[in-house]
Protein backbone atom coordinates (compact mmCIF):
# COMPACT_ATOMS: atom_id res chain seq x y z
CA UNK A 1 105.26 79.28 114.79
CA UNK A 2 108.07 81.81 114.45
CA UNK A 3 111.22 81.25 116.50
CA UNK A 4 113.38 84.36 116.77
CA UNK A 5 117.01 83.77 117.61
CA UNK A 6 120.56 84.46 116.53
CA UNK A 7 121.60 82.11 113.74
CA UNK A 8 124.51 80.73 115.82
CA UNK A 9 122.65 80.65 119.11
CA UNK A 10 123.42 77.26 120.71
CA UNK A 11 120.37 77.38 122.93
CA UNK A 12 118.27 77.00 119.77
CA UNK A 13 119.62 73.50 119.06
CA UNK A 14 117.40 71.68 121.57
CA UNK A 15 114.36 73.68 120.45
CA UNK A 16 114.79 72.88 116.77
CA UNK A 17 115.58 69.20 117.46
CA UNK A 18 112.47 68.88 119.64
CA UNK A 19 110.42 70.51 116.89
CA UNK A 20 111.72 67.92 114.40
CA UNK A 21 110.58 65.10 116.69
CA UNK A 22 107.22 66.78 117.28
CA UNK A 23 106.66 67.29 113.56
CA UNK A 24 106.25 71.04 114.01
CA UNK A 25 107.33 73.52 111.37
CA UNK A 26 109.31 76.22 113.15
CA UNK A 27 110.22 79.29 111.13
CA UNK A 28 113.56 80.90 111.92
CA UNK A 29 113.66 84.47 110.55
CA UNK A 30 116.89 86.45 110.29
CA UNK A 31 117.88 87.86 113.64
CA UNK A 32 120.71 90.24 114.54
CA UNK A 33 121.57 89.56 118.17
CA UNK A 34 122.50 92.68 120.10
CA UNK A 35 120.43 94.85 117.78
CA UNK A 36 117.07 93.28 116.97
CA UNK A 37 116.48 92.20 120.56
CA UNK A 38 116.72 95.86 121.69
CA UNK A 39 114.07 97.25 119.36
CA UNK A 40 110.78 98.54 120.88
CA UNK A 41 108.84 95.90 118.94
CA UNK A 42 110.96 93.05 120.35
CA UNK A 43 110.92 94.43 123.90
CA UNK A 44 107.12 94.43 123.84
CA UNK A 45 107.26 90.67 123.27
CA UNK A 46 110.21 89.96 125.54
CA UNK A 47 110.80 92.82 128.05
CA UNK A 48 114.11 91.33 129.19
CA UNK A 49 115.49 91.47 125.66
CA UNK A 50 116.55 87.83 125.93
CA UNK A 51 116.40 85.36 123.09
CA UNK A 52 115.35 82.90 121.77
CA UNK A 53 111.68 83.80 121.75
CA UNK A 54 108.87 81.64 120.38
CA UNK A 55 105.88 83.39 118.87
CA UNK A 56 102.67 81.33 118.87
CA UNK A 57 99.05 82.04 118.05
CA UNK A 58 98.42 82.34 121.80
CA UNK A 59 101.33 84.64 122.60
CA UNK A 60 105.08 84.71 123.16
CA UNK A 61 107.25 82.31 125.16
CA UNK A 62 110.82 83.05 126.22
CA UNK A 63 113.49 80.97 127.99
CA UNK A 64 114.82 78.05 125.94
CA UNK A 65 113.77 75.21 128.27
CA UNK A 66 110.25 76.62 128.59
CA UNK A 67 110.05 76.63 124.79
CA UNK A 68 111.28 73.03 124.59
CA UNK A 69 108.68 71.92 127.13
CA UNK A 70 105.94 73.73 125.18
CA UNK A 71 106.97 72.03 121.95
CA UNK A 72 106.94 68.63 123.69
CA UNK A 73 103.39 69.24 124.91
CA UNK A 74 102.15 70.58 121.58
CA UNK A 75 103.73 67.59 119.85
CA UNK A 76 101.20 65.36 121.58
CA UNK A 77 101.35 61.75 122.70
CA UNK A 78 102.57 60.46 119.35
CA UNK A 79 106.06 61.92 119.81
CA UNK A 80 106.17 60.87 123.50
CA UNK A 81 108.70 63.63 124.12
CA UNK A 82 107.40 64.13 127.66
CA UNK A 83 107.30 60.47 128.65
CA UNK A 84 104.41 58.02 128.63
CA UNK A 85 102.89 58.92 132.02
CA UNK A 86 103.00 61.54 134.78
CA UNK A 87 105.89 59.86 136.59
CA UNK A 88 108.05 59.80 133.46
CA UNK A 89 107.10 63.44 132.79
CA UNK A 90 108.44 64.33 136.22
CA UNK A 91 111.68 62.48 135.45
CA UNK A 92 111.96 64.37 132.17
CA UNK A 93 111.62 67.66 134.06
CA UNK A 94 114.26 66.43 136.50
CA UNK A 95 116.82 65.93 133.70
CA UNK A 96 115.94 69.22 131.99
CA UNK A 97 116.62 71.01 135.29
CA UNK A 98 119.77 68.89 135.74
CA UNK A 99 121.08 70.23 132.41
CA UNK A 100 120.37 73.82 133.38
CA UNK A 101 121.79 73.64 136.91
CA UNK A 102 124.54 71.02 136.74
CA UNK A 103 125.81 71.15 133.14
CA UNK A 104 125.24 74.59 131.62
CA UNK A 105 126.74 76.63 134.46
CA UNK A 106 130.14 74.85 134.69
CA UNK A 107 130.16 74.44 130.89
CA UNK A 108 130.01 78.22 130.49
CA UNK A 109 132.82 78.68 133.04
CA UNK A 110 135.01 76.21 131.10
CA UNK A 111 134.11 77.14 127.51
CA UNK A 112 133.59 80.91 127.46
CA UNK A 113 137.27 81.71 128.20
CA UNK A 114 138.28 79.38 125.36
CA UNK A 115 135.86 81.17 123.05
CA UNK A 116 137.27 84.53 124.12
CA UNK A 117 134.00 85.74 125.63
CA UNK A 118 135.37 86.25 129.15
CA UNK A 119 138.89 86.31 130.65
CA UNK A 120 140.23 83.01 131.90
CA UNK A 121 140.25 82.35 135.62
CA UNK A 122 142.34 79.26 136.35
CA UNK A 123 140.62 78.47 139.65
CA UNK A 124 137.14 78.79 138.12
CA UNK A 125 138.16 76.64 135.14
CA UNK A 126 139.53 73.85 137.31
CA UNK A 127 136.36 73.90 139.44
CA UNK A 128 134.25 73.74 136.27
CA UNK A 129 136.28 70.80 134.96
CA UNK A 130 135.70 68.83 138.15
CA UNK A 131 131.99 69.67 138.07
CA UNK A 132 131.65 68.44 134.48
CA UNK A 133 133.49 65.20 135.30
CA UNK A 134 131.07 64.66 138.17
CA UNK A 135 128.16 65.22 135.78
CA UNK A 136 129.59 62.69 133.30
CA UNK A 137 130.01 60.15 136.10
CA UNK A 138 126.38 60.60 137.18
CA UNK A 139 125.22 60.11 133.60
CA UNK A 140 127.52 57.11 133.11
CA UNK A 141 126.13 55.37 136.19
CA UNK A 142 122.53 56.12 135.20
CA UNK A 143 123.04 54.90 131.63
CA UNK A 144 124.73 51.66 132.67
CA UNK A 145 121.35 49.93 132.56
CA UNK A 146 119.45 52.28 130.25
CA UNK A 147 119.43 53.23 126.57
CA UNK A 148 117.73 56.59 127.16
CA UNK A 149 117.54 58.88 130.18
CA UNK A 150 113.83 58.24 130.74
CA UNK A 151 111.85 55.23 129.57
CA UNK A 152 112.37 53.42 126.28
CA UNK A 153 112.07 56.41 123.95
CA UNK A 154 113.86 59.64 123.15
CA UNK A 155 112.39 62.44 125.24
CA UNK A 156 113.28 66.09 125.65
CA UNK A 157 115.43 64.91 128.57
CA UNK A 158 117.80 63.29 126.05
CA UNK A 159 117.53 66.25 123.66
CA UNK A 160 118.25 68.93 126.27
CA UNK A 161 121.07 67.10 128.07
CA UNK A 162 122.79 66.06 124.81
CA UNK A 163 122.50 69.61 123.46
CA UNK A 164 124.17 70.94 126.61
CA UNK A 165 127.06 68.51 126.08
CA UNK A 166 127.69 69.14 122.36
CA UNK A 167 130.22 71.97 122.76
CA UNK A 168 131.97 70.15 125.59
CA UNK A 169 132.43 67.06 123.39
CA UNK A 170 133.59 69.21 120.49
CA UNK A 171 136.05 71.43 122.37
CA UNK A 172 137.35 69.95 125.62
CA UNK A 173 136.30 66.33 126.18
CA UNK A 174 139.27 64.82 124.40
CA UNK A 175 139.93 61.14 123.82
CA UNK A 176 141.62 60.54 127.18
CA UNK A 177 138.99 62.43 129.19
CA UNK A 178 135.91 60.90 127.64
CA UNK A 179 137.33 57.35 127.63
CA UNK A 180 136.28 57.00 131.29
CA UNK A 181 132.60 57.46 130.43
CA UNK A 182 131.75 54.68 127.97
CA UNK A 183 128.01 54.55 128.76
CA UNK A 184 127.65 58.32 128.41
CA UNK A 185 129.59 58.27 125.14
CA UNK A 186 127.38 55.49 123.73
CA UNK A 187 124.20 57.35 124.67
CA UNK A 188 125.51 60.71 123.38
CA UNK A 189 126.52 59.16 120.05
CA UNK A 190 123.08 57.57 119.72
CA UNK A 191 121.24 60.86 120.32
CA UNK A 192 123.34 63.17 118.12
CA UNK A 193 123.23 60.70 115.22
CA UNK A 194 119.47 60.48 115.03
CA UNK A 195 117.91 62.02 111.89
CA UNK A 196 116.09 64.69 113.88
CA UNK A 197 119.33 65.83 115.52
CA UNK A 198 121.37 65.60 112.31
CA UNK A 199 118.82 67.83 110.58
CA UNK A 200 119.82 70.61 113.00
CA UNK A 201 123.47 69.74 113.74
CA UNK A 202 124.78 67.83 110.68
CA UNK A 203 127.90 66.60 112.45
CA UNK A 204 129.37 66.60 115.94
CA UNK A 205 133.16 66.36 115.66
CA UNK A 206 134.57 64.94 118.87
CA UNK A 207 137.65 66.68 120.25
CA UNK A 208 140.99 64.97 119.73
CA UNK A 209 142.77 67.44 122.00
CA UNK A 210 141.23 69.77 124.57
CA UNK A 211 141.22 73.43 123.60
CA UNK A 212 142.66 75.90 126.13
CA UNK A 213 142.97 79.69 126.59
CA UNK A 214 146.80 79.86 126.26
CA UNK A 215 147.24 83.53 127.21
CA UNK A 216 145.37 83.22 130.47
CA UNK A 217 147.33 80.12 131.47
CA UNK A 218 150.70 81.89 131.02
CA UNK A 219 149.61 84.75 133.27
CA UNK A 220 148.64 82.39 136.08
CA UNK A 221 151.69 80.14 136.21
CA UNK A 222 153.99 82.53 138.15
CA UNK A 223 151.27 83.02 140.78
CA UNK A 224 150.91 79.29 141.24
CA UNK A 225 154.68 78.85 141.63
CA UNK A 226 154.98 81.65 144.20
CA UNK A 227 152.12 80.29 146.24
CA UNK A 228 153.54 76.79 146.33
CA UNK A 229 157.19 77.54 147.27
CA UNK A 230 156.66 78.41 150.96
CA UNK A 231 154.54 75.29 151.47
CA UNK A 232 157.18 73.01 149.95
CA UNK A 233 160.02 74.09 152.30
CA UNK A 234 159.35 72.06 155.51
CA UNK A 235 161.23 68.76 155.29
CA UNK A 236 160.58 67.60 158.82
CA UNK A 237 157.03 66.63 157.99
CA UNK A 238 157.99 64.06 155.37
CA UNK A 239 158.60 61.17 157.79
CA UNK A 240 155.21 61.84 159.41
CA UNK A 241 153.50 61.65 156.02
CA UNK A 242 155.26 58.34 155.32
CA UNK A 243 154.20 56.91 158.70
CA UNK A 244 150.60 57.87 158.07
CA UNK A 245 150.56 56.28 154.65
CA UNK A 246 151.92 52.91 155.81
CA UNK A 247 149.03 51.87 158.11
CA UNK A 248 146.48 53.12 155.56
CA UNK A 249 148.01 50.88 152.96
CA UNK A 250 147.81 47.89 155.30
CA UNK A 251 144.18 48.64 156.09
CA UNK A 252 143.37 48.90 152.40
CA UNK A 253 145.11 45.61 151.73
CA UNK A 254 143.03 43.91 154.41
CA UNK A 255 139.84 45.37 152.99
CA UNK A 256 140.74 44.21 149.52
CA UNK A 257 141.31 40.69 150.78
CA UNK A 258 137.95 40.66 152.54
CA UNK A 259 136.17 41.97 149.44
CA UNK A 260 137.89 39.33 147.34
CA UNK A 261 136.71 36.63 149.70
CA UNK A 262 133.14 37.94 149.56
CA UNK A 263 133.22 37.86 145.78
CA UNK A 264 134.40 34.25 145.80
CA UNK A 265 131.63 33.33 148.22
CA UNK A 266 129.06 35.03 146.00
CA UNK A 267 130.30 33.08 143.00
CA UNK A 268 129.96 29.80 144.89
CA UNK A 269 126.44 30.71 145.98
CA UNK A 270 125.17 31.11 142.40
CA UNK A 271 122.62 28.29 142.11
CA UNK A 272 123.62 27.64 138.51
CA UNK A 273 127.07 26.57 139.69
CA UNK A 274 125.47 23.94 141.92
CA UNK A 275 123.61 22.16 139.12
CA UNK A 276 124.65 18.62 138.15
CA UNK A 277 127.21 18.42 135.36
CA UNK A 278 125.77 18.45 131.86
CA UNK A 279 127.12 16.98 128.64
CA UNK A 280 126.48 20.39 127.06
CA UNK A 281 129.34 22.63 128.16
CA UNK A 282 128.67 26.20 127.05
CA UNK A 283 132.31 27.08 126.51
CA UNK A 284 132.71 24.09 124.22
CA UNK A 285 129.55 25.06 122.31
CA UNK A 286 130.78 28.63 121.88
CA UNK A 287 134.11 27.43 120.51
CA UNK A 288 132.34 24.99 118.19
CA UNK A 289 130.01 27.77 116.99
CA UNK A 290 132.86 30.24 116.42
CA UNK A 291 135.37 27.94 114.73
CA UNK A 292 133.25 25.68 112.50
CA UNK A 293 130.64 25.85 109.79
CA UNK A 294 127.37 26.57 111.55
CA UNK A 295 125.01 24.40 109.52
CA UNK A 296 127.13 21.34 108.86
CA UNK A 297 129.15 21.10 112.07
CA UNK A 298 128.10 23.40 114.93
CA UNK A 299 124.32 22.87 114.89
CA UNK A 300 124.46 19.03 114.74
CA UNK A 301 126.95 19.12 117.64
CA UNK A 302 124.62 21.36 119.63
CA UNK A 303 121.60 19.07 119.37
CA UNK A 304 123.68 15.95 120.04
CA UNK A 305 124.81 17.49 123.33
CA UNK A 306 121.75 19.54 124.29
CA UNK A 307 120.51 18.68 127.79
CA UNK A 308 116.87 19.62 128.29
CA UNK A 309 117.16 19.01 132.05
CA UNK A 310 120.22 21.18 132.53
CA UNK A 311 119.31 23.94 130.06
CA UNK A 312 116.36 25.92 128.77
CA UNK A 313 115.80 27.97 125.61
CA UNK A 314 113.73 31.11 125.13
CA UNK A 315 112.50 33.26 122.27
CA UNK A 316 112.95 36.99 122.96
CA UNK A 317 110.86 39.52 121.01
CA UNK A 318 111.34 43.28 121.44
CA UNK A 319 108.04 44.81 122.62
CA UNK A 320 108.34 48.04 120.65
CA UNK A 321 109.28 46.79 117.19
CA UNK A 322 106.83 49.23 115.61
CA UNK A 323 109.07 52.08 116.79
CA UNK A 324 112.33 50.79 115.25
CA UNK A 325 113.21 52.73 112.11
CA UNK A 326 117.01 53.11 111.98
CA UNK A 327 119.43 50.17 111.81
CA UNK A 328 122.23 51.82 113.80
CA UNK A 329 119.85 52.80 116.62
CA UNK A 330 118.35 49.32 116.65
CA UNK A 331 121.82 47.77 116.81
CA UNK A 332 122.64 50.08 119.73
CA UNK A 333 119.67 48.67 121.66
CA UNK A 334 121.08 45.15 121.32
CA UNK A 335 124.60 46.28 122.22
CA UNK A 336 123.20 48.10 125.26
CA UNK A 337 121.51 44.91 126.46
CA UNK A 338 124.67 42.85 125.99
CA UNK A 339 126.74 45.38 127.94
CA UNK A 340 124.47 44.98 130.98
CA UNK A 341 124.85 41.18 131.00
CA UNK A 342 128.56 40.80 131.75
CA UNK A 343 127.96 38.29 134.55
CA UNK A 344 125.75 36.14 132.33
CA UNK A 345 128.43 35.09 129.82
CA UNK A 346 129.22 31.97 131.84
CA UNK A 347 125.60 30.81 131.80
CA UNK A 348 124.11 31.89 128.48
CA UNK A 349 124.38 32.01 124.71
CA UNK A 350 122.21 34.23 122.55
CA UNK A 351 121.66 34.90 118.86
CA UNK A 352 119.79 38.18 118.36
CA UNK A 353 118.73 39.31 114.90
CA UNK A 354 117.53 42.55 113.33
CA UNK A 355 114.90 41.79 110.70
CA UNK A 356 113.51 43.99 107.93
CA UNK A 357 114.65 47.21 106.30
CA UNK A 358 114.47 50.84 107.31
CA UNK A 359 112.09 52.21 108.46
CA UNK A 360 110.41 48.92 109.45
CA UNK A 361 112.67 46.84 111.68
CA UNK A 362 112.28 44.14 114.32
CA UNK A 363 114.47 42.63 117.03
CA UNK A 364 114.03 38.93 117.76
CA UNK A 365 116.37 36.39 119.25
CA UNK A 366 116.85 32.97 120.77
CA UNK A 367 118.69 32.39 124.06
CA UNK A 368 120.17 29.27 125.66
CA UNK A 369 120.31 29.46 129.48
CA UNK A 370 121.93 27.15 132.02
CA UNK A 371 119.28 25.73 134.30
CA UNK A 372 115.50 25.86 134.07
CA UNK A 373 113.91 29.25 133.48
CA UNK A 374 115.41 32.67 132.83
CA UNK A 375 118.43 33.34 135.11
CA UNK A 376 118.28 36.18 137.61
CA UNK A 377 121.11 38.03 135.87
CA UNK A 378 118.80 38.37 132.86
CA UNK A 379 115.41 38.78 134.53
CA UNK A 380 116.71 41.43 136.94
CA UNK A 381 118.29 43.47 134.13
CA UNK A 382 116.02 46.44 133.36
CA UNK A 383 116.63 46.14 129.62
CA UNK A 384 115.21 42.61 129.60
CA UNK A 385 111.83 44.08 130.52
CA UNK A 386 111.38 45.47 127.01
CA UNK A 387 111.34 41.93 125.61
CA UNK A 388 108.58 39.32 125.57
CA UNK A 389 109.98 35.94 126.62
CA UNK A 390 108.54 32.61 125.51
CA UNK A 391 110.11 29.22 126.14
CA UNK A 392 111.19 27.23 123.09
CA UNK A 393 109.50 23.86 122.69
CA UNK A 394 112.52 21.80 121.66
CA UNK A 395 110.27 18.80 120.98
CA UNK A 396 108.50 20.75 118.23
CA UNK A 397 110.33 20.11 114.92
CA UNK A 398 109.27 23.48 113.47
CA UNK A 399 110.57 25.45 116.46
CA UNK A 400 113.76 23.39 116.48
CA UNK A 401 114.36 24.22 112.81
CA UNK A 402 113.70 27.91 113.50
CA UNK A 403 116.34 27.79 116.26
CA UNK A 404 118.76 26.44 113.63
CA UNK A 405 117.91 29.38 111.35
CA UNK A 406 118.55 31.84 114.19
CA UNK A 407 121.90 30.20 114.93
CA UNK A 408 122.93 30.19 111.25
CA UNK A 409 121.39 33.56 110.30
CA UNK A 410 119.91 32.03 107.16
CA UNK A 411 117.08 29.73 106.11
CA UNK A 412 113.40 30.66 106.22
CA UNK A 413 113.75 32.58 109.52
CA UNK A 414 110.01 32.41 110.01
CA UNK A 415 109.40 34.31 106.79
CA UNK A 416 111.31 37.38 107.99
CA UNK A 417 114.10 39.17 106.09
CA UNK A 418 117.52 39.03 107.77
CA UNK A 419 119.25 42.38 108.15
CA UNK A 420 122.06 41.69 110.62
CA UNK A 421 122.74 39.66 113.76
CA UNK A 422 124.65 39.84 117.02
CA UNK A 423 125.82 36.95 119.18
CA UNK A 424 126.08 36.89 122.96
CA UNK A 425 128.76 34.37 123.87
């Protein structure tokens, strides 16, 4: 394949990253944008003169997202860039279109004036900023219970959306702005730090301070001041505004009290809170585990107080261990699961371990749950579905000793090599 594009063309990023995942060798010849794309030879291939253009044995493809989709299909099932079934493929297309319609357009309106490509328009910039914040909120909500945009693997949905966000993160999404979107930040960091992405974009430097087109801002300030002065003159309306605000505040206070009461009722209705008292108190176990030697003090205390009627223990094995190749990405999967289980801290303790070395890694863990069976807060979490769950037989001496190894992060560990561990407590 021969991909013709300007060497600094940002739309090429997603294409080259997708090609890395697909294992396709894409040649990038020298290309002088504004000149080469106007030659008769180029216009025969791409009559619009647009770039990038992908030359294949079957013909020429233009439009960057069409090229990305083609690469995903040519890459075959092994790369899984288009999802694992037709439904996931449709979701991938949904996010690719989302990037084109909801991210790229406002991103251009915000970034091009900063880059000096077009004059700054304050109204358009402010509208673009609000649109991008809305996009980040949508992503943040979606990624609250997911590691990737679609399914359990990187797809072109992740590649295209992340590529559309790179310049925003580098130029205008400063520390204060991006701090509100923790799930989006986690996902973005995961994607841009994968080897396939780093091979195309070696480093994404996050903005410390948002860049701005200073000249355009100075020209607009007088207009804003003149427009606001007539509106600020009426003083008679102030009491009315105060009267309107007062009842709203009272209504909000009442609503907050009702919500608070509902939350308390919900807490009382949790069946785990209604169980008979147990001599194993999780908070005490967590303090014992954190503040004492694990082997000599914490583990003996645990078994002396373990209540098989009031608690249950489960082995958790990640279903897709054969796909884990990078330690930092594997650790992110565990962190992502923990972040979705905030309500479970009161009722569970978990020791989750990464075994092996790159590129052959595994995730396995042992969990202690209040009550019999896996609690709803865990079973209803989407991320828990990527684990196989098997109850620990605490009467089996071998399994009991393996639990000790998982708690201590040493010992035989079932013949597996410890890499690192994370504790849910």
